């Protein structure tokens, strides 16, 4: 890290110590705190506030569970807890077209294990409505595209536009308040 002039300058700007393990750890912790978005409407609904979600959003949640999205996108962060193989129920990479890149190999690029080919960390959906484009390769330009492609290639199902819109409405309820830096 010390060979990156910009990074060194950034650390020097905030600390006389420069880049140290403690400073790097603190910077990572501060960044991770910005990813937590407590107080989402979905969280309030889970805590018993029946008015926090609309009927359309609740329908999206029901569909999210019934299609099977929740089998990978689960837990408090609605994902981020496991790895999943891209193209489990269809030939995603062949259908996408183009060359298979190093990035397409997923976890295999780290482990070198054949069983990790096309294995990726399942992302949290907490801020998904703000994170376009989607997938490791940015191939899904919109959240609707990502939902449709996930249904096809991960679940082996087609999904109607109405169901996509309902799931999008549910996913929008996962965004809470962003903490201010330094808090």
N, C-alpha and C. Protein backbone atom coordinates (compact mmCIF):
# COMPACT_ATOMS: atom_id res chain seq x y z
N UNK A 1 0.82 -1.19 0.00
CA UNK A 1 0.00 0.00 0.00
C UNK A 1 0.87 1.26 0.00
N UNK A 2 2.03 1.15 0.59
CA UNK A 2 2.92 2.30 0.67
C UNK A 2 3.45 2.74 -0.68
N UNK A 3 3.31 1.92 -1.71
CA UNK A 3 3.80 2.29 -3.04
C UNK A 3 2.76 3.08 -3.84
N UNK A 4 1.55 3.18 -3.33
CA UNK A 4 0.49 3.93 -4.00
C UNK A 4 0.54 5.38 -3.49
N UNK A 5 1.06 6.28 -4.32
CA UNK A 5 1.28 7.66 -3.89
C UNK A 5 -0.01 8.35 -3.45
N UNK A 6 -1.08 8.11 -4.17
CA UNK A 6 -2.35 8.76 -3.82
C UNK A 6 -2.86 8.25 -2.47
N UNK A 7 -2.76 6.93 -2.26
CA UNK A 7 -3.20 6.36 -0.99
C UNK A 7 -2.36 6.89 0.16
N UNK A 8 -1.06 6.97 -0.03
CA UNK A 8 -0.16 7.51 1.00
C UNK A 8 -0.56 8.95 1.32
N UNK A 9 -0.80 9.76 0.29
CA UNK A 9 -1.20 11.15 0.49
C UNK A 9 -2.52 11.25 1.24
N UNK A 10 -3.48 10.39 0.90
CA UNK A 10 -4.78 10.40 1.58
C UNK A 10 -4.62 10.07 3.06
N UNK A 11 -3.83 9.06 3.38
CA UNK A 11 -3.62 8.70 4.78
C UNK A 11 -2.84 9.79 5.52
N UNK A 12 -1.84 10.39 4.86
CA UNK A 12 -1.07 11.47 5.48
C UNK A 12 -1.96 12.66 5.80
N UNK A 13 -2.99 12.86 4.98
CA UNK A 13 -3.90 13.99 5.18
C UNK A 13 -4.73 13.84 6.46
N UNK A 14 -5.04 12.61 6.83
CA UNK A 14 -5.90 12.39 8.00
C UNK A 14 -5.14 11.93 9.24
N UNK A 15 -3.86 11.61 9.10
CA UNK A 15 -3.11 11.13 10.26
C UNK A 15 -1.61 11.38 10.08
N UNK A 16 -0.98 11.80 11.15
CA UNK A 16 0.48 11.98 11.12
C UNK A 16 1.19 10.63 11.05
N UNK A 17 0.50 9.56 11.42
CA UNK A 17 1.09 8.23 11.42
C UNK A 17 1.21 7.65 10.01
N UNK A 18 0.46 8.17 9.07
CA UNK A 18 0.46 7.62 7.72
C UNK A 18 -0.23 6.27 7.68
N UNK A 19 0.22 5.41 6.77
CA UNK A 19 -0.40 4.10 6.61
C UNK A 19 0.18 3.13 7.63
N UNK A 20 -0.68 2.70 8.55
CA UNK A 20 -0.32 1.68 9.53
C UNK A 20 -1.43 0.64 9.53
N UNK A 21 -1.17 -0.56 10.03
CA UNK A 21 -2.25 -1.54 10.11
C UNK A 21 -3.47 -1.01 10.86
N UNK A 22 -3.24 -0.27 11.94
CA UNK A 22 -4.36 0.27 12.72
C UNK A 22 -5.15 1.29 11.90
N UNK A 23 -4.44 2.13 11.13
CA UNK A 23 -5.14 3.12 10.31
C UNK A 23 -5.94 2.45 9.19
N UNK A 24 -5.37 1.44 8.57
CA UNK A 24 -6.08 0.72 7.51
C UNK A 24 -7.31 0.04 8.08
N UNK A 25 -7.15 -0.60 9.23
CA UNK A 25 -8.28 -1.27 9.89
C UNK A 25 -9.37 -0.26 10.22
N UNK A 26 -8.99 0.89 10.75
CA UNK A 26 -9.96 1.93 11.07
C UNK A 26 -10.67 2.46 9.84
N UNK A 27 -9.93 2.62 8.74
CA UNK A 27 -10.53 3.11 7.50
C UNK A 27 -11.54 2.11 6.96
N UNK A 28 -11.19 0.84 7.01
CA UNK A 28 -12.11 -0.20 6.54
C UNK A 28 -13.36 -0.22 7.42
N UNK A 29 -13.17 -0.14 8.74
CA UNK A 29 -14.32 -0.14 9.66
C UNK A 29 -15.22 1.06 9.39
N UNK A 30 -14.63 2.23 9.16
CA UNK A 30 -15.43 3.42 8.87
C UNK A 30 -16.22 3.25 7.58
N UNK A 31 -15.58 2.67 6.57
CA UNK A 31 -16.28 2.41 5.31
C UNK A 31 -17.44 1.44 5.52
N UNK A 32 -17.18 0.36 6.25
CA UNK A 32 -18.23 -0.64 6.47
C UNK A 32 -19.42 -0.04 7.21
N UNK A 33 -19.18 0.90 8.12
CA UNK A 33 -20.30 1.54 8.82
C UNK A 33 -21.18 2.32 7.86
N UNK A 34 -20.62 2.81 6.76
CA UNK A 34 -21.45 3.54 5.80
C UNK A 34 -22.35 2.61 5.01
N UNK A 35 -22.07 1.31 5.04
CA UNK A 35 -22.90 0.35 4.30
C UNK A 35 -24.13 -0.06 5.09
N UNK A 36 -24.10 0.12 6.39
CA UNK A 36 -25.25 -0.22 7.22
C UNK A 36 -26.29 0.88 7.06
N UNK A 37 -27.52 0.47 6.82
CA UNK A 37 -28.58 1.46 6.67
C UNK A 37 -29.73 1.08 7.60
N UNK A 38 -29.57 1.37 8.89
CA UNK A 38 -30.61 1.00 9.85
C UNK A 38 -31.89 1.80 9.63
N UNK A 39 -32.97 1.28 10.16
CA UNK A 39 -34.23 2.00 10.12
C UNK A 39 -34.96 1.94 8.81
N UNK A 40 -34.72 0.91 8.01
CA UNK A 40 -35.45 0.80 6.75
C UNK A 40 -36.93 0.52 7.04
N UNK A 41 -37.76 0.79 6.08
CA UNK A 41 -39.19 0.50 6.27
C UNK A 41 -39.41 -0.99 6.47
N UNK A 42 -38.62 -1.83 5.79
CA UNK A 42 -38.74 -3.28 5.98
C UNK A 42 -38.38 -3.65 7.42
N UNK A 43 -37.32 -3.06 7.95
CA UNK A 43 -36.95 -3.33 9.35
C UNK A 43 -38.08 -2.92 10.29
N UNK A 44 -38.67 -1.76 10.03
CA UNK A 44 -39.78 -1.32 10.89
C UNK A 44 -40.95 -2.29 10.80
N UNK A 45 -41.22 -2.80 9.60
CA UNK A 45 -42.30 -3.78 9.43
C UNK A 45 -41.98 -5.05 10.22
N UNK A 46 -40.72 -5.51 10.14
CA UNK A 46 -40.32 -6.70 10.90
C UNK A 46 -40.47 -6.49 12.40
N UNK A 47 -40.31 -5.25 12.84
CA UNK A 47 -40.44 -4.93 14.26
C UNK A 47 -41.89 -4.72 14.68
N UNK A 48 -42.83 -4.90 13.76
CA UNK A 48 -44.24 -4.84 14.12
C UNK A 48 -45.02 -3.66 13.61
N UNK A 49 -44.41 -2.76 12.86
CA UNK A 49 -45.11 -1.61 12.31
C UNK A 49 -45.81 -2.03 11.02
N UNK A 50 -47.06 -2.45 11.15
CA UNK A 50 -47.81 -2.96 10.01
C UNK A 50 -48.04 -1.92 8.92
N UNK A 51 -47.95 -0.64 9.27
CA UNK A 51 -48.17 0.42 8.29
C UNK A 51 -46.89 0.79 7.52
N UNK A 52 -45.76 0.17 7.85
CA UNK A 52 -44.48 0.55 7.23
C UNK A 52 -44.40 0.16 5.76
N UNK A 53 -45.12 -0.89 5.36
CA UNK A 53 -45.08 -1.34 3.97
C UNK A 53 -46.47 -1.28 3.36
N UNK A 54 -46.50 -0.98 2.08
CA UNK A 54 -47.77 -0.98 1.35
C UNK A 54 -48.12 -2.41 0.96
N UNK A 55 -49.34 -2.60 0.50
CA UNK A 55 -49.75 -3.93 0.02
C UNK A 55 -48.88 -4.37 -1.15
N UNK A 56 -48.55 -3.45 -2.05
CA UNK A 56 -47.72 -3.79 -3.21
C UNK A 56 -46.33 -4.25 -2.76
N UNK A 57 -45.77 -3.59 -1.77
CA UNK A 57 -44.45 -3.96 -1.25
C UNK A 57 -44.50 -5.31 -0.54
N UNK A 58 -45.58 -5.54 0.20
CA UNK A 58 -45.75 -6.85 0.86
C UNK A 58 -45.91 -7.96 -0.17
N UNK A 59 -46.62 -7.66 -1.26
CA UNK A 59 -46.75 -8.64 -2.34
C UNK A 59 -45.37 -8.94 -2.93
N UNK A 60 -44.55 -7.91 -3.10
CA UNK A 60 -43.19 -8.11 -3.58
C UNK A 60 -42.38 -9.00 -2.65
N UNK A 61 -42.55 -8.81 -1.35
CA UNK A 61 -41.86 -9.65 -0.37
C UNK A 61 -42.35 -11.10 -0.47
N UNK A 62 -43.66 -11.28 -0.60
CA UNK A 62 -44.20 -12.64 -0.75
C UNK A 62 -43.63 -13.31 -2.01
N UNK A 63 -43.57 -12.56 -3.10
CA UNK A 63 -43.02 -13.10 -4.34
C UNK A 63 -41.53 -13.40 -4.21
N UNK A 64 -40.80 -12.52 -3.55
CA UNK A 64 -39.36 -12.71 -3.31
C UNK A 64 -39.13 -14.05 -2.61
N UNK A 65 -40.00 -14.36 -1.65
CA UNK A 65 -39.88 -15.64 -0.94
C UNK A 65 -40.37 -16.80 -1.79
N UNK A 66 -41.51 -16.63 -2.47
CA UNK A 66 -42.09 -17.76 -3.19
C UNK A 66 -41.28 -18.15 -4.43
N UNK A 67 -40.65 -17.19 -5.08
CA UNK A 67 -39.78 -17.53 -6.21
C UNK A 67 -38.51 -18.24 -5.76
N UNK A 68 -38.13 -18.04 -4.51
CA UNK A 68 -36.92 -18.68 -3.99
C UNK A 68 -35.73 -17.75 -3.86
N UNK A 69 -35.91 -16.47 -4.11
CA UNK A 69 -34.80 -15.50 -3.99
C UNK A 69 -34.18 -15.55 -2.60
N UNK A 70 -35.05 -15.78 -1.61
CA UNK A 70 -34.62 -15.77 -0.21
C UNK A 70 -33.69 -16.94 0.13
N UNK A 71 -33.62 -17.95 -0.73
CA UNK A 71 -32.72 -19.07 -0.44
C UNK A 71 -31.26 -18.63 -0.51
N UNK A 72 -30.96 -17.60 -1.28
CA UNK A 72 -29.59 -17.06 -1.33
C UNK A 72 -29.49 -15.69 -0.66
N UNK A 73 -30.51 -14.87 -0.85
CA UNK A 73 -30.51 -13.51 -0.27
C UNK A 73 -31.28 -13.55 1.05
N UNK A 74 -30.58 -14.03 2.09
CA UNK A 74 -31.24 -14.19 3.39
C UNK A 74 -30.46 -13.50 4.49
N UNK A 75 -31.02 -13.53 5.68
CA UNK A 75 -30.36 -12.94 6.84
C UNK A 75 -30.63 -11.46 6.96
N UNK A 76 -30.02 -10.86 7.97
CA UNK A 76 -30.25 -9.45 8.28
C UNK A 76 -29.89 -8.53 7.11
N UNK A 77 -28.90 -8.90 6.33
CA UNK A 77 -28.49 -8.06 5.19
C UNK A 77 -29.15 -8.47 3.88
N UNK A 78 -30.05 -9.43 3.95
CA UNK A 78 -30.74 -9.95 2.76
C UNK A 78 -29.70 -10.33 1.70
N UNK A 79 -28.75 -11.15 2.13
CA UNK A 79 -27.66 -11.61 1.28
C UNK A 79 -26.32 -11.29 1.90
N UNK A 80 -25.26 -11.60 1.16
CA UNK A 80 -23.91 -11.33 1.63
C UNK A 80 -23.36 -12.38 2.56
N UNK A 81 -24.09 -13.49 2.72
CA UNK A 81 -23.69 -14.52 3.69
C UNK A 81 -23.13 -15.78 3.06
N UNK A 82 -23.12 -15.85 1.73
CA UNK A 82 -22.73 -17.11 1.08
C UNK A 82 -22.23 -16.85 -0.33
N UNK A 83 -21.74 -17.90 -0.94
CA UNK A 83 -21.34 -17.86 -2.35
C UNK A 83 -22.37 -18.63 -3.17
N UNK A 84 -22.56 -18.21 -4.40
CA UNK A 84 -23.48 -18.90 -5.30
C UNK A 84 -22.89 -18.99 -6.70
N UNK A 85 -23.23 -20.04 -7.41
CA UNK A 85 -22.73 -20.26 -8.76
C UNK A 85 -23.60 -19.49 -9.76
N UNK A 86 -22.99 -18.63 -10.53
CA UNK A 86 -23.71 -17.86 -11.55
C UNK A 86 -24.05 -18.80 -12.70
N UNK A 87 -25.34 -18.87 -13.03
CA UNK A 87 -25.79 -19.75 -14.10
C UNK A 87 -26.13 -21.14 -13.60
N UNK A 88 -26.63 -21.21 -12.39
CA UNK A 88 -26.98 -22.49 -11.77
C UNK A 88 -28.03 -23.25 -12.58
N UNK A 89 -29.00 -22.53 -13.14
CA UNK A 89 -30.12 -23.16 -13.86
C UNK A 89 -30.16 -22.79 -15.34
N UNK A 90 -29.06 -22.28 -15.85
CA UNK A 90 -29.01 -21.92 -17.27
C UNK A 90 -27.61 -21.47 -17.64
N UNK A 91 -27.35 -21.42 -18.92
CA UNK A 91 -26.01 -21.09 -19.43
C UNK A 91 -25.82 -19.58 -19.50
N UNK A 92 -25.70 -18.94 -18.35
CA UNK A 92 -25.59 -17.48 -18.29
C UNK A 92 -24.46 -16.96 -19.18
N UNK A 93 -23.27 -17.50 -19.03
CA UNK A 93 -22.11 -16.96 -19.75
C UNK A 93 -22.23 -17.18 -21.26
N UNK A 94 -22.73 -18.32 -21.68
CA UNK A 94 -22.92 -18.58 -23.11
C UNK A 94 -24.00 -17.65 -23.68
N UNK A 95 -25.10 -17.48 -22.95
CA UNK A 95 -26.19 -16.63 -23.42
C UNK A 95 -25.80 -15.15 -23.42
N UNK A 96 -24.97 -14.75 -22.46
CA UNK A 96 -24.52 -13.36 -22.39
C UNK A 96 -23.70 -13.01 -23.61
N UNK A 97 -22.95 -13.98 -24.10
CA UNK A 97 -22.09 -13.74 -25.26
C UNK A 97 -20.76 -13.15 -24.86
N UNK A 98 -19.88 -13.10 -25.82
CA UNK A 98 -18.54 -12.57 -25.56
C UNK A 98 -17.65 -13.60 -24.92
N UNK A 99 -16.41 -13.23 -24.77
CA UNK A 99 -15.42 -14.11 -24.15
C UNK A 99 -15.66 -14.21 -22.65
N UNK A 100 -15.36 -15.37 -22.10
CA UNK A 100 -15.36 -15.52 -20.64
C UNK A 100 -14.06 -14.89 -20.15
N UNK A 101 -14.18 -13.92 -19.26
CA UNK A 101 -13.01 -13.19 -18.76
C UNK A 101 -12.52 -13.77 -17.45
N UNK A 102 -11.38 -13.29 -17.00
CA UNK A 102 -10.85 -13.70 -15.70
C UNK A 102 -11.86 -13.39 -14.59
N UNK A 103 -12.50 -12.23 -14.68
CA UNK A 103 -13.50 -11.85 -13.67
C UNK A 103 -14.68 -12.81 -13.66
N UNK A 104 -15.02 -13.39 -14.81
CA UNK A 104 -16.13 -14.33 -14.90
C UNK A 104 -15.85 -15.63 -14.15
N UNK A 105 -14.60 -15.90 -13.88
CA UNK A 105 -14.25 -17.15 -13.20
C UNK A 105 -14.61 -17.12 -11.72
N UNK A 106 -14.90 -15.94 -11.19
CA UNK A 106 -15.34 -15.82 -9.82
C UNK A 106 -14.29 -16.24 -8.81
N UNK A 107 -14.73 -16.95 -7.80
CA UNK A 107 -13.85 -17.36 -6.70
C UNK A 107 -12.69 -18.23 -7.19
N UNK A 108 -12.85 -18.90 -8.31
CA UNK A 108 -11.78 -19.71 -8.89
C UNK A 108 -10.49 -18.88 -9.04
N UNK A 109 -10.64 -17.61 -9.36
CA UNK A 109 -9.49 -16.73 -9.51
C UNK A 109 -8.69 -16.55 -8.24
N UNK A 110 -9.32 -16.83 -7.09
CA UNK A 110 -8.65 -16.73 -5.79
C UNK A 110 -8.13 -18.09 -5.34
N UNK A 111 -8.97 -19.11 -5.48
CA UNK A 111 -8.62 -20.43 -4.92
C UNK A 111 -7.95 -21.36 -5.91
N UNK A 112 -8.24 -21.20 -7.21
CA UNK A 112 -7.73 -22.13 -8.22
C UNK A 112 -8.44 -23.47 -8.21
N UNK A 113 -9.49 -23.60 -7.41
CA UNK A 113 -10.23 -24.86 -7.31
C UNK A 113 -11.32 -24.90 -8.38
N UNK A 114 -11.38 -26.00 -9.12
CA UNK A 114 -12.35 -26.13 -10.21
C UNK A 114 -13.78 -25.91 -9.72
N UNK A 115 -14.08 -26.38 -8.52
CA UNK A 115 -15.46 -26.24 -8.01
C UNK A 115 -15.82 -24.78 -7.69
N UNK A 116 -14.84 -23.88 -7.70
CA UNK A 116 -15.11 -22.47 -7.45
C UNK A 116 -15.28 -21.65 -8.73
N UNK A 117 -15.25 -22.32 -9.89
CA UNK A 117 -15.43 -21.62 -11.16
C UNK A 117 -16.86 -21.06 -11.23
N UNK A 118 -16.97 -19.79 -11.54
CA UNK A 118 -18.25 -19.05 -11.63
C UNK A 118 -18.96 -18.93 -10.28
N UNK A 119 -18.23 -19.08 -9.19
CA UNK A 119 -18.80 -18.94 -7.85
C UNK A 119 -18.53 -17.51 -7.37
N UNK A 120 -19.60 -16.82 -6.97
CA UNK A 120 -19.49 -15.43 -6.56
C UNK A 120 -20.15 -15.23 -5.20
N UNK A 121 -19.70 -14.22 -4.48
CA UNK A 121 -20.35 -13.84 -3.23
C UNK A 121 -21.74 -13.32 -3.58
N UNK A 122 -22.75 -13.85 -2.91
CA UNK A 122 -24.13 -13.37 -3.10
C UNK A 122 -24.21 -12.01 -2.41
N UNK A 123 -24.55 -10.96 -3.12
CA UNK A 123 -24.54 -9.63 -2.51
C UNK A 123 -25.73 -9.38 -1.60
N UNK A 124 -25.52 -8.51 -0.64
CA UNK A 124 -26.63 -7.98 0.14
C UNK A 124 -27.50 -7.16 -0.80
N UNK A 125 -28.80 -7.19 -0.57
CA UNK A 125 -29.71 -6.39 -1.38
C UNK A 125 -30.15 -5.12 -0.67
N UNK A 126 -29.54 -4.83 0.48
CA UNK A 126 -29.93 -3.66 1.27
C UNK A 126 -29.90 -2.35 0.48
N UNK A 127 -28.95 -2.17 -0.37
CA UNK A 127 -28.85 -0.93 -1.15
C UNK A 127 -28.97 -1.19 -2.65
N UNK A 128 -29.54 -2.32 -3.01
CA UNK A 128 -29.58 -2.73 -4.42
C UNK A 128 -30.23 -1.69 -5.32
N UNK A 129 -31.24 -1.00 -4.84
CA UNK A 129 -31.91 -0.03 -5.70
C UNK A 129 -30.99 1.12 -6.11
N UNK A 130 -29.87 1.29 -5.42
CA UNK A 130 -28.93 2.38 -5.72
C UNK A 130 -27.64 1.90 -6.37
N UNK A 131 -27.54 0.62 -6.71
CA UNK A 131 -26.24 0.07 -7.10
C UNK A 131 -26.12 -0.41 -8.54
N UNK A 132 -26.88 0.15 -9.46
CA UNK A 132 -26.76 -0.26 -10.87
C UNK A 132 -25.39 0.18 -11.39
N UNK A 133 -24.86 -0.51 -12.35
CA UNK A 133 -25.33 -1.76 -12.95
C UNK A 133 -25.07 -2.94 -12.02
N UNK A 134 -25.62 -4.09 -12.37
CA UNK A 134 -25.62 -5.25 -11.49
C UNK A 134 -24.76 -6.39 -12.04
N UNK A 135 -24.42 -7.29 -11.17
CA UNK A 135 -23.60 -8.48 -11.40
C UNK A 135 -22.12 -8.10 -11.47
N UNK A 136 -21.30 -9.09 -11.38
CA UNK A 136 -19.85 -8.88 -11.38
C UNK A 136 -19.36 -8.21 -12.65
N UNK A 137 -20.11 -8.35 -13.71
CA UNK A 137 -19.69 -7.82 -15.01
C UNK A 137 -20.50 -6.60 -15.45
N UNK A 138 -21.41 -6.13 -14.59
CA UNK A 138 -22.22 -4.98 -14.94
C UNK A 138 -23.18 -5.21 -16.09
N UNK A 139 -23.48 -6.48 -16.38
CA UNK A 139 -24.29 -6.80 -17.56
C UNK A 139 -25.78 -6.51 -17.38
N UNK A 140 -26.25 -6.37 -16.17
CA UNK A 140 -27.65 -6.02 -15.93
C UNK A 140 -27.71 -4.52 -15.62
N UNK A 141 -28.24 -3.75 -16.56
CA UNK A 141 -28.22 -2.30 -16.42
C UNK A 141 -29.23 -1.78 -15.41
N UNK A 142 -30.34 -2.50 -15.23
CA UNK A 142 -31.37 -2.04 -14.32
C UNK A 142 -31.68 -3.13 -13.30
N UNK A 143 -32.31 -2.72 -12.22
CA UNK A 143 -32.72 -3.70 -11.21
C UNK A 143 -33.72 -4.69 -11.80
N UNK A 144 -34.61 -4.20 -12.65
CA UNK A 144 -35.58 -5.10 -13.31
C UNK A 144 -34.85 -6.15 -14.14
N UNK A 145 -33.81 -5.74 -14.87
CA UNK A 145 -33.01 -6.70 -15.64
C UNK A 145 -32.39 -7.74 -14.72
N UNK A 146 -31.83 -7.28 -13.61
CA UNK A 146 -31.17 -8.20 -12.67
C UNK A 146 -32.17 -9.21 -12.10
N UNK A 147 -33.36 -8.76 -11.74
CA UNK A 147 -34.38 -9.66 -11.19
C UNK A 147 -34.76 -10.70 -12.24
N UNK A 148 -35.01 -10.24 -13.45
CA UNK A 148 -35.40 -11.16 -14.53
C UNK A 148 -34.30 -12.18 -14.81
N UNK A 149 -33.07 -11.72 -14.90
CA UNK A 149 -31.95 -12.63 -15.19
C UNK A 149 -31.70 -13.60 -14.04
N UNK A 150 -31.82 -13.13 -12.81
CA UNK A 150 -31.65 -14.03 -11.66
C UNK A 150 -32.73 -15.11 -11.66
N UNK A 151 -33.97 -14.71 -11.94
CA UNK A 151 -35.05 -15.70 -12.00
C UNK A 151 -34.72 -16.76 -13.05
N UNK A 152 -34.26 -16.33 -14.21
CA UNK A 152 -33.97 -17.27 -15.30
C UNK A 152 -32.77 -18.16 -15.00
N UNK A 153 -31.65 -17.55 -14.64
CA UNK A 153 -30.39 -18.30 -14.56
C UNK A 153 -30.11 -18.91 -13.19
N UNK A 154 -30.71 -18.38 -12.15
CA UNK A 154 -30.47 -18.94 -10.81
C UNK A 154 -31.63 -19.81 -10.34
N UNK A 155 -32.83 -19.48 -10.79
CA UNK A 155 -34.00 -20.21 -10.32
C UNK A 155 -34.66 -21.05 -11.41
N UNK A 156 -34.27 -20.85 -12.66
CA UNK A 156 -34.85 -21.60 -13.76
C UNK A 156 -36.30 -21.25 -14.02
N UNK A 157 -36.66 -19.99 -13.76
CA UNK A 157 -38.06 -19.58 -13.90
C UNK A 157 -38.15 -18.31 -14.73
N UNK A 158 -39.27 -18.17 -15.42
CA UNK A 158 -39.55 -16.88 -16.06
C UNK A 158 -40.42 -16.10 -15.09
N UNK A 159 -40.39 -14.80 -15.21
CA UNK A 159 -41.09 -13.96 -14.25
C UNK A 159 -41.80 -12.83 -15.01
N UNK A 160 -43.02 -12.56 -14.64
CA UNK A 160 -43.80 -11.53 -15.33
C UNK A 160 -43.30 -10.13 -14.96
N UNK A 161 -43.61 -9.17 -15.83
CA UNK A 161 -43.24 -7.78 -15.54
C UNK A 161 -43.88 -7.30 -14.25
N UNK A 162 -45.12 -7.71 -14.02
CA UNK A 162 -45.81 -7.28 -12.79
C UNK A 162 -45.09 -7.82 -11.56
N UNK A 163 -44.63 -9.05 -11.62
CA UNK A 163 -43.91 -9.63 -10.49
C UNK A 163 -42.55 -8.96 -10.30
N UNK A 164 -41.89 -8.63 -11.40
CA UNK A 164 -40.61 -7.91 -11.32
C UNK A 164 -40.84 -6.57 -10.63
N UNK A 165 -41.87 -5.84 -11.04
CA UNK A 165 -42.16 -4.53 -10.42
C UNK A 165 -42.47 -4.68 -8.94
N UNK A 166 -43.20 -5.72 -8.57
CA UNK A 166 -43.52 -5.93 -7.16
C UNK A 166 -42.26 -6.22 -6.35
N UNK A 167 -41.38 -7.05 -6.88
CA UNK A 167 -40.13 -7.35 -6.17
C UNK A 167 -39.26 -6.10 -6.08
N UNK A 168 -39.23 -5.30 -7.14
CA UNK A 168 -38.50 -4.02 -7.08
C UNK A 168 -39.05 -3.14 -5.97
N UNK A 169 -40.37 -3.09 -5.84
CA UNK A 169 -40.99 -2.28 -4.79
C UNK A 169 -40.56 -2.78 -3.41
N UNK A 170 -40.53 -4.09 -3.23
CA UNK A 170 -40.05 -4.65 -1.96
C UNK A 170 -38.60 -4.26 -1.71
N UNK A 171 -37.74 -4.41 -2.72
CA UNK A 171 -36.31 -4.12 -2.54
C UNK A 171 -36.08 -2.66 -2.16
N UNK A 172 -36.94 -1.77 -2.63
CA UNK A 172 -36.81 -0.36 -2.27
C UNK A 172 -37.05 -0.13 -0.78
N UNK A 173 -37.77 -1.03 -0.12
CA UNK A 173 -38.03 -0.88 1.31
C UNK A 173 -36.83 -1.27 2.17
N UNK A 174 -35.80 -1.85 1.56
CA UNK A 174 -34.62 -2.30 2.31
C UNK A 174 -33.63 -1.19 2.60
N UNK A 175 -33.82 -0.03 1.99
CA UNK A 175 -32.91 1.09 2.18
C UNK A 175 -33.31 1.85 3.43
N UNK A 176 -32.37 2.00 4.33
CA UNK A 176 -32.62 2.76 5.55
C UNK A 176 -31.89 4.09 5.50
N UNK A 177 -31.58 4.58 6.68
CA UNK A 177 -30.87 5.85 6.80
C UNK A 177 -29.37 5.60 6.71
N UNK A 178 -28.70 6.39 5.92
CA UNK A 178 -27.23 6.28 5.85
C UNK A 178 -26.64 7.05 7.02
N UNK A 179 -25.78 6.37 7.79
CA UNK A 179 -25.14 7.09 8.90
C UNK A 179 -24.18 8.15 8.35
N UNK A 180 -24.03 9.22 9.09
CA UNK A 180 -23.08 10.26 8.69
C UNK A 180 -21.67 9.81 9.05
N UNK A 181 -20.68 10.15 8.24
CA UNK A 181 -19.30 9.77 8.56
C UNK A 181 -18.91 10.26 9.95
N UNK A 182 -18.12 9.46 10.63
CA UNK A 182 -17.66 9.82 11.97
C UNK A 182 -18.64 9.47 13.06
N UNK A 183 -19.72 8.83 12.72
CA UNK A 183 -20.73 8.46 13.73
C UNK A 183 -20.68 6.99 14.02
